[in-house]
Amino acid sequence: MAEANSQGSKSRGRAIRKLVERTIQRNINGVSYFVSSDPPVGLTPKDVVHRRGTLSLFHYKPQTDEIYRTPMLIVAPTTNRSYCLDMMPGVSFVEYFVKAGYDVYLMDWQPPQPEEKSLDLADYSQRFIQECIDVVKRMSGEDEVSLVGYCMGGVLASIYTASFEGDSVRNLVCFTTPVDFHEMDMFNKITDQKHFDVDRLVDSVGNIPPSFVLSGFESLEPAGKAASRLQLWQKMWDSDFVETFRKYDRWANDMLPLAGEYFRDTVKDLMWDNKLLEGTLVVGGRSADLSRIKVPFFHAAAEHDNIVRRPASEPLIGKVASKDKTEMVLKGGHVSIVAGANAVRRLWPELDDWLSERSI
């Protein structure tokens, strides 16, 4: 009995010491969280090789002796900073593919200035992408690129490829790319034509402020922010968790404003009239019917994506006319598909296998 009491006392002592240590560490990390500057992101070495207003083109420095022949051009989503694809070592899409031997370029968006409010869907999906492809072709000496787009970046990449029937595009890769915009859930409710006057908004304010965009994302999961803050407090003692949380929290709140005419086109042509799904979208005088895409195509979707819900992305693989096409549907959400464990362990190796055969 005495021995059992002794063991119980030691166990309680260890539990108390653990609680004290965690309480101390929680307070240290809590102070650090609120007073320190934003954690570094986008650390993969790169050069800026082209710049025009809201657009910068990054070229990542090769890290292998040999690289694949076909360069990769990534189109980041227009609502997010491009570091979402280069969060931190070990969970960086860019880092993974640079180390795998790809010649990687990325289209980085900066906040459009007031004088850039006239930039429209044609500018983003055709002119900017064409400019970057021309730079990549000139620098690499190759005639084609693998075009990769995440979320709205995938929409822009798809529109470009359809508009020019795959000219200069050897492979098209999209992540969580919506095609049925009537399935975009809360975004549809926010921009409902019955009560949302997009013309008055754009004509009055010009570029759409990030607060409007952010409110749309937060409305998709109203309790999400509170739940994440509670989880942060509960694990504030874990320094690695806190550092990672801060980086993803920065991403979630670091939204970009949208050029006024681009927003107007997106609401009217995509959200209201669903022209991408219907095959009736015309951009810059060119048809953007997805059936015009015939290049090798790879699409990855997230089963529990609350931003681009599965019904919104599901029709894409059927609309594309490529004979060589692949789709992966992974567990997880909109973020984890490009920066989570499933991405690192499953998606990226699978995409690497698929792309390596089509990049030589």
Protein backbone atom coordinates (compact mmCIF):
# COMPACT_ATOMS: atom_id res chain seq x y z
CA MET A 1 0.00 0.00 0.00
CA ALA A 2 2.84 2.38 0.95
CA GLU A 3 4.58 1.61 -2.37
CA ALA A 4 1.38 2.33 -4.32
CA ASN A 5 0.98 5.66 -2.49
CA SER A 6 4.58 6.49 -3.28
CA GLN A 7 4.07 5.76 -7.00
CA GLY A 8 0.90 7.83 -7.01
CA SER A 9 2.71 10.72 -5.35
CA LYS A 10 5.52 10.58 -7.93
CA SER A 11 2.98 10.51 -10.76
CA ARG A 12 1.16 13.55 -9.36
CA GLY A 13 4.49 15.29 -8.92
CA ARG A 14 5.43 14.71 -12.57
CA ALA A 15 2.01 15.95 -13.69
CA ILE A 16 2.35 19.12 -11.59
CA ARG A 17 5.88 19.80 -12.86
CA LYS A 18 4.65 19.32 -16.44
CA LEU A 19 1.75 21.72 -15.81
CA VAL A 20 4.08 24.32 -14.29
CA GLU A 21 6.56 24.03 -17.20
CA ARG A 22 3.77 24.37 -19.76
CA THR A 23 2.29 27.36 -17.92
CA ILE A 24 5.67 29.11 -17.90
CA GLN A 25 6.31 28.30 -21.57
CA ARG A 26 2.75 29.34 -22.51
CA ASN A 27 3.31 32.77 -20.97
CA ILE A 28 6.74 33.17 -22.59
CA ASN A 29 5.36 32.22 -26.02
CA GLY A 30 2.25 34.31 -25.45
CA VAL A 31 4.29 37.48 -24.87
CA SER A 32 6.50 36.64 -27.87
CA TYR A 33 3.42 36.03 -30.06
CA PHE A 34 2.03 39.52 -29.54
CA VAL A 35 5.25 41.58 -29.55
CA SER A 36 7.42 39.89 -32.19
CA SER A 37 7.35 40.70 -35.89
CA ASP A 38 5.77 38.44 -38.49
CA PRO A 39 7.66 35.16 -38.96
CA PRO A 40 9.70 34.83 -42.17
CA VAL A 41 8.05 33.12 -45.13
CA GLY A 42 8.95 32.69 -48.79
CA LEU A 43 12.54 31.70 -47.99
CA THR A 44 13.42 29.64 -51.07
CA PRO A 45 16.21 31.61 -52.88
CA LYS A 46 14.92 33.51 -55.90
CA ASP A 47 15.39 36.48 -58.22
CA VAL A 48 12.82 38.92 -59.58
CA VAL A 49 13.15 38.62 -63.36
CA HIS A 50 10.15 40.65 -64.51
CA ARG A 51 7.94 43.33 -62.97
CA ARG A 52 4.90 45.25 -64.22
CA GLY A 53 2.70 47.10 -61.75
CA THR A 54 0.86 44.57 -59.64
CA LEU A 55 2.84 41.64 -61.11
CA SER A 56 6.30 40.35 -60.26
CA LEU A 57 7.82 37.19 -61.73
CA PHE A 58 10.11 35.15 -59.47
CA HIS A 59 12.71 32.72 -60.75
CA TYR A 60 13.89 30.26 -58.11
CA LYS A 61 17.56 29.39 -58.08
CA PRO A 62 18.25 25.77 -59.13
CA GLN A 63 19.39 23.45 -56.34
CA THR A 64 20.25 20.38 -58.43
CA ASP A 65 22.99 19.70 -60.95
CA GLU A 66 20.45 18.76 -63.61
CA ILE A 67 17.00 20.21 -64.21
CA TYR A 68 14.05 19.03 -66.26
CA ARG A 69 13.79 20.49 -69.71
CA THR A 70 10.29 21.98 -69.38
CA PRO A 71 10.16 24.94 -66.94
CA MET A 72 7.32 25.31 -64.44
CA LEU A 73 5.34 28.58 -64.26
CA ILE A 74 3.10 28.91 -61.18
CA VAL A 75 0.08 31.25 -61.13
CA ALA A 76 -0.67 32.23 -57.52
CA PRO A 77 -4.27 33.05 -56.48
CA THR A 78 -5.08 36.72 -56.86
CA THR A 79 -6.44 37.01 -53.31
CA ASN A 80 -3.32 35.66 -51.60
CA ARG A 81 0.34 36.50 -51.26
CA SER A 82 2.42 34.04 -53.24
CA TYR A 83 4.27 32.82 -50.14
CA CYS A 84 1.30 30.51 -49.59
CA LEU A 85 3.21 28.23 -51.97
CA ASP A 86 6.52 28.76 -50.14
CA MET A 87 5.50 28.84 -46.48
CA MET A 88 8.55 27.34 -44.79
CA PRO A 89 11.18 24.66 -45.36
CA GLY A 90 9.66 21.19 -45.41
CA VAL A 91 6.15 22.33 -46.31
CA SER A 92 6.93 24.50 -49.32
CA PHE A 93 5.56 23.49 -52.71
CA VAL A 94 8.18 25.65 -54.42
CA GLU A 95 11.07 24.24 -52.38
CA TYR A 96 9.97 20.66 -53.04
CA PHE A 97 9.90 21.03 -56.81
CA VAL A 98 13.11 23.09 -56.99
CA LYS A 99 14.88 20.34 -55.06
CA ALA A 100 13.25 17.74 -57.33
CA GLY A 101 15.03 19.31 -60.30
CA TYR A 102 12.42 21.62 -61.85
CA ASP A 103 13.13 25.10 -63.23
CA VAL A 104 10.51 27.01 -61.23
CA TYR A 105 9.01 30.46 -61.89
CA LEU A 106 6.14 32.03 -59.94
CA MET A 107 3.75 34.91 -60.67
CA ASP A 108 3.57 37.03 -57.53
CA TRP A 109 0.74 39.56 -57.09
CA GLN A 110 1.10 42.87 -55.26
CA PRO A 111 -1.80 45.16 -54.26
CA PRO A 112 -3.11 46.92 -57.39
CA GLN A 113 -2.74 50.69 -57.18
CA PRO A 114 -5.75 53.03 -57.66
CA GLU A 115 -4.69 53.69 -61.25
CA GLU A 116 -4.78 49.93 -61.90
CA LYS A 117 -8.49 49.59 -61.15
CA SER A 118 -9.16 49.09 -64.88
CA LEU A 119 -7.23 45.79 -64.96
CA ASP A 120 -9.75 43.12 -65.97
CA LEU A 121 -10.05 39.36 -66.36
CA ALA A 122 -8.31 39.50 -69.74
CA ASP A 123 -5.31 41.24 -68.17
CA TYR A 124 -4.92 38.63 -65.45
CA SER A 125 -5.74 35.49 -67.44
CA GLN A 126 -4.16 36.39 -70.77
CA ARG A 127 -1.85 39.41 -70.89
CA PHE A 128 0.02 38.85 -67.61
CA ILE A 129 0.42 35.11 -68.14
CA GLN A 130 1.54 35.63 -71.74
CA GLU A 131 4.14 38.17 -70.63
CA CYS A 132 5.52 35.74 -68.07
CA ILE A 133 5.55 32.83 -70.50
CA ASP A 134 7.52 34.99 -72.93
CA VAL A 135 10.09 35.78 -70.21
CA VAL A 136 10.34 32.10 -69.19
CA LYS A 137 10.78 31.00 -72.81
CA ARG A 138 13.48 33.58 -73.35
CA MET A 139 15.37 32.71 -70.16
CA SER A 140 15.06 28.92 -70.47
CA GLY A 141 15.40 28.61 -74.22
CA GLU A 142 12.35 26.31 -74.25
CA ASP A 143 9.16 26.77 -76.30
CA GLU A 144 6.69 25.41 -73.72
CA VAL A 145 6.02 25.55 -69.98
CA SER A 146 4.17 23.50 -67.42
CA LEU A 147 1.49 25.94 -66.21
CA VAL A 148 0.48 25.41 -62.56
CA GLY A 149 -2.38 27.26 -60.83
CA TYR A 150 -3.77 27.18 -57.28
CA CYS A 151 -7.43 28.14 -56.64
CA MET A 152 -8.16 31.28 -58.71
CA GLY A 153 -4.67 30.90 -60.12
CA GLY A 154 -5.96 27.61 -61.56
CA VAL A 155 -8.94 29.44 -63.07
CA LEU A 156 -6.62 31.97 -64.72
CA ALA A 157 -4.29 29.22 -65.97
CA SER A 158 -7.26 27.28 -67.37
CA ILE A 159 -8.68 30.36 -69.11
CA TYR A 160 -5.28 31.10 -70.65
CA THR A 161 -4.80 27.53 -71.88
CA ALA A 162 -8.32 27.39 -73.31
CA SER A 163 -8.03 30.85 -74.90
CA PHE A 164 -4.88 29.95 -76.81
CA GLU A 165 -5.69 26.24 -77.22
CA GLY A 166 -2.59 25.20 -75.32
CA ASP A 167 -0.10 27.28 -77.31
CA SER A 168 3.17 27.41 -75.29
CA VAL A 169 1.63 25.16 -72.60
CA ARG A 170 2.98 21.63 -72.48
CA ASN A 171 1.21 20.58 -69.26
CA LEU A 172 -1.56 22.15 -67.19
CA VAL A 173 -1.74 21.50 -63.43
CA CYS A 174 -4.49 22.90 -61.19
CA PHE A 175 -5.19 22.67 -57.46
CA THR A 176 -8.68 23.15 -56.01
CA THR A 177 -9.87 25.01 -59.07
CA PRO A 178 -13.56 26.01 -59.24
CA VAL A 179 -15.51 25.65 -62.46
CA ASP A 180 -19.12 25.60 -61.21
CA PHE A 181 -19.28 28.95 -59.44
CA HIS A 182 -22.90 28.42 -58.45
CA GLU A 183 -21.50 25.87 -55.98
CA MET A 184 -19.20 28.40 -54.31
CA ASP A 185 -21.53 28.50 -51.33
CA MET A 186 -21.21 31.64 -49.21
CA PHE A 187 -19.49 33.63 -51.96
CA ASN A 188 -22.65 33.16 -54.00
CA LYS A 189 -24.78 34.43 -51.15
CA ILE A 190 -22.57 37.49 -50.64
CA THR A 191 -22.66 38.38 -54.36
CA ASP A 192 -26.29 37.37 -54.96
CA GLN A 193 -27.53 39.41 -57.92
CA LYS A 194 -30.81 40.14 -56.13
CA HIS A 195 -29.14 42.43 -53.60
CA PHE A 196 -25.48 42.88 -54.58
CA ASP A 197 -24.82 45.86 -56.85
CA VAL A 198 -21.35 45.10 -58.18
CA ASP A 199 -21.42 48.01 -60.64
CA ARG A 200 -22.13 50.54 -57.90
CA LEU A 201 -19.43 49.03 -55.67
CA VAL A 202 -16.71 49.04 -58.33
CA ASP A 203 -17.70 52.45 -59.71
CA SER A 204 -17.64 53.92 -56.20
CA VAL A 205 -14.53 52.38 -54.62
CA GLY A 206 -12.41 51.23 -57.58
CA ASN A 207 -10.25 48.40 -56.27
CA ILE A 208 -12.01 46.04 -53.86
CA PRO A 209 -10.41 46.26 -50.38
CA PRO A 210 -9.02 43.12 -48.74
CA SER A 211 -11.48 43.49 -45.84
CA PHE A 212 -14.32 42.67 -48.25
CA VAL A 213 -12.48 39.59 -49.52
CA LEU A 214 -11.56 38.48 -46.01
CA SER A 215 -15.14 38.82 -44.76
CA GLY A 216 -16.19 36.42 -47.52
CA PHE A 217 -13.69 33.80 -46.39
CA GLU A 218 -14.58 34.20 -42.70
CA SER A 219 -18.30 33.84 -43.42
CA LEU A 220 -17.65 30.34 -44.76
CA GLU A 221 -16.66 29.17 -41.27
CA PRO A 222 -17.97 31.70 -38.72
CA ALA A 223 -16.69 29.80 -35.66
CA GLY A 224 -13.37 28.90 -37.26
CA LYS A 225 -11.42 31.91 -36.04
CA ALA A 226 -12.55 31.51 -32.44
CA ALA A 227 -11.79 27.78 -32.53
CA SER A 228 -8.30 28.37 -33.91
CA ARG A 229 -7.56 30.97 -31.21
CA LEU A 230 -8.68 28.54 -28.52
CA GLN A 231 -6.43 25.86 -29.98
CA LEU A 232 -3.55 28.34 -30.04
CA TRP A 233 -4.00 29.13 -26.35
CA GLN A 234 -4.23 25.47 -25.43
CA LYS A 235 -0.97 24.74 -27.23
CA MET A 236 0.81 28.04 -26.51
CA TRP A 237 3.42 26.06 -24.57
CA ASP A 238 4.50 24.30 -27.78
CA SER A 239 6.99 26.67 -29.48
CA ASP A 240 7.00 24.75 -32.79
CA PHE A 241 3.18 24.80 -32.94
CA VAL A 242 3.11 28.54 -32.18
CA GLU A 243 5.64 29.34 -34.91
CA THR A 244 3.74 27.28 -37.48
CA PHE A 245 0.38 28.76 -36.38
CA ARG A 246 1.70 32.30 -36.79
CA LYS A 247 2.79 31.61 -40.37
CA TYR A 248 -0.55 30.12 -41.39
CA ASP A 249 -2.45 32.82 -39.51
CA ARG A 250 -0.44 35.44 -41.39
CA TRP A 251 -1.40 33.78 -44.67
CA ALA A 252 -5.10 33.60 -43.71
CA ASN A 253 -5.25 37.31 -42.86
CA ASP A 254 -2.84 38.72 -45.42
CA MET A 255 -5.34 39.17 -48.24
CA LEU A 256 -4.85 41.29 -51.34
CA PRO A 257 -7.23 43.89 -52.75
CA LEU A 258 -8.66 43.04 -56.15
CA ALA A 259 -8.56 45.27 -59.22
CA GLY A 260 -12.05 46.71 -59.75
CA GLU A 261 -12.72 45.57 -63.32
CA TYR A 262 -11.26 42.13 -62.61
CA PHE A 263 -13.66 41.80 -59.68
CA ARG A 264 -16.59 43.00 -61.81
CA ASP A 265 -15.79 40.45 -64.55
CA THR A 266 -15.41 37.66 -61.99
CA VAL A 267 -18.76 38.40 -60.35
CA LYS A 268 -20.73 38.86 -63.56
CA ASP A 269 -19.22 36.25 -65.87
CA LEU A 270 -18.22 33.57 -63.37
CA MET A 271 -20.38 33.96 -60.24
CA TRP A 272 -23.63 35.12 -61.85
CA ASP A 273 -23.64 33.66 -65.35
CA ASN A 274 -21.43 30.61 -64.60
CA LYS A 275 -19.89 30.95 -68.06
CA LEU A 276 -16.84 28.81 -67.29
CA LEU A 277 -19.09 25.83 -66.58
CA GLU A 278 -21.43 26.58 -69.48
CA GLY A 279 -18.57 26.90 -71.98
CA THR A 280 -19.72 30.39 -73.02
CA LEU A 281 -16.94 32.47 -71.46
CA VAL A 282 -15.26 34.90 -73.86
CA VAL A 283 -12.20 36.77 -72.58
CA GLY A 284 -10.29 39.34 -74.60
CA GLY A 285 -12.30 38.37 -77.67
CA ARG A 286 -11.27 34.71 -77.35
CA SER A 287 -13.38 31.71 -76.37
CA ALA A 288 -12.31 30.22 -73.03
CA ASP A 289 -14.34 27.03 -73.45
CA LEU A 290 -12.55 24.40 -71.34
CA SER A 291 -13.09 21.82 -74.09
CA ARG A 292 -10.38 23.67 -76.01
CA ILE A 293 -7.83 22.36 -73.48
CA LYS A 294 -6.17 19.26 -74.90
CA VAL A 295 -2.74 19.31 -73.23
CA PRO A 296 -1.87 16.80 -70.46
CA PHE A 297 -3.90 17.85 -67.44
CA PHE A 298 -3.58 17.16 -63.69
CA HIS A 299 -6.08 18.37 -61.09
CA ALA A 300 -5.93 17.95 -57.32
CA ALA A 301 -8.96 18.61 -55.12
CA ALA A 302 -9.59 18.54 -51.37
CA GLU A 303 -12.42 16.42 -50.02
CA HIS A 304 -13.18 18.79 -47.14
CA ASP A 305 -12.46 22.11 -48.86
CA ASN A 306 -14.81 24.75 -47.42
CA ILE A 307 -13.66 27.46 -49.86
CA VAL A 308 -13.75 25.63 -53.20
CA ARG A 309 -16.29 22.97 -52.28
CA ARG A 310 -15.99 19.66 -54.07
CA PRO A 311 -19.16 20.24 -56.17
CA ALA A 312 -17.53 23.45 -57.46
CA SER A 313 -14.34 21.74 -58.65
CA GLU A 314 -15.70 18.32 -59.59
CA PRO A 315 -16.87 19.16 -63.16
CA LEU A 316 -13.44 20.43 -64.22
CA ILE A 317 -11.90 17.08 -65.11
CA GLY A 318 -14.86 16.27 -67.38
CA LYS A 319 -14.92 19.66 -69.09
CA VAL A 320 -11.25 19.49 -70.13
CA ALA A 321 -10.90 17.59 -73.42
CA SER A 322 -7.38 16.24 -72.81
CA LYS A 323 -6.96 12.53 -73.45
CA ASP A 324 -4.14 12.48 -70.91
CA LYS A 325 -5.74 13.70 -67.68
CA THR A 326 -5.53 12.76 -64.00
CA GLU A 327 -7.37 13.83 -60.87
CA MET A 328 -6.45 13.26 -57.21
CA VAL A 329 -8.97 13.87 -54.42
CA LEU A 330 -7.30 14.04 -51.02
CA LYS A 331 -8.62 14.29 -47.50
CA GLY A 332 -8.08 17.70 -45.99
CA GLY A 333 -8.97 21.27 -46.79
CA HIS A 334 -8.11 24.17 -49.04
CA VAL A 335 -4.84 25.01 -47.28
CA SER A 336 -3.59 21.53 -46.42
CA ILE A 337 -3.69 20.44 -50.04
CA VAL A 338 -0.76 22.75 -50.82
CA ALA A 339 0.98 22.97 -47.46
CA GLY A 340 -0.06 20.04 -45.27
CA ALA A 341 1.08 16.51 -44.51
CA ASN A 342 -1.11 15.03 -47.27
CA ALA A 343 0.51 17.38 -49.77
CA VAL A 344 4.06 16.54 -48.68
CA ARG A 345 3.56 12.77 -48.46
CA ARG A 346 1.06 12.07 -51.21
CA LEU A 347 0.25 14.89 -53.62
CA TRP A 348 3.69 16.28 -54.34
CA PRO A 349 5.37 12.89 -54.94
CA GLU A 350 2.43 11.86 -57.17
CA LEU A 351 2.60 15.11 -59.12
CA ASP A 352 6.37 14.80 -59.38
CA ASP A 353 6.00 11.32 -60.92
CA TRP A 354 3.33 12.57 -63.32
CA LEU A 355 5.16 15.74 -64.31
CA SER A 356 8.65 14.24 -64.61
CA GLU A 357 7.51 11.98 -67.46
CA ARG A 358 6.05 14.99 -69.28
CA SER A 359 8.90 17.47 -68.72
CA ILE A 360 11.76 15.88 -70.67
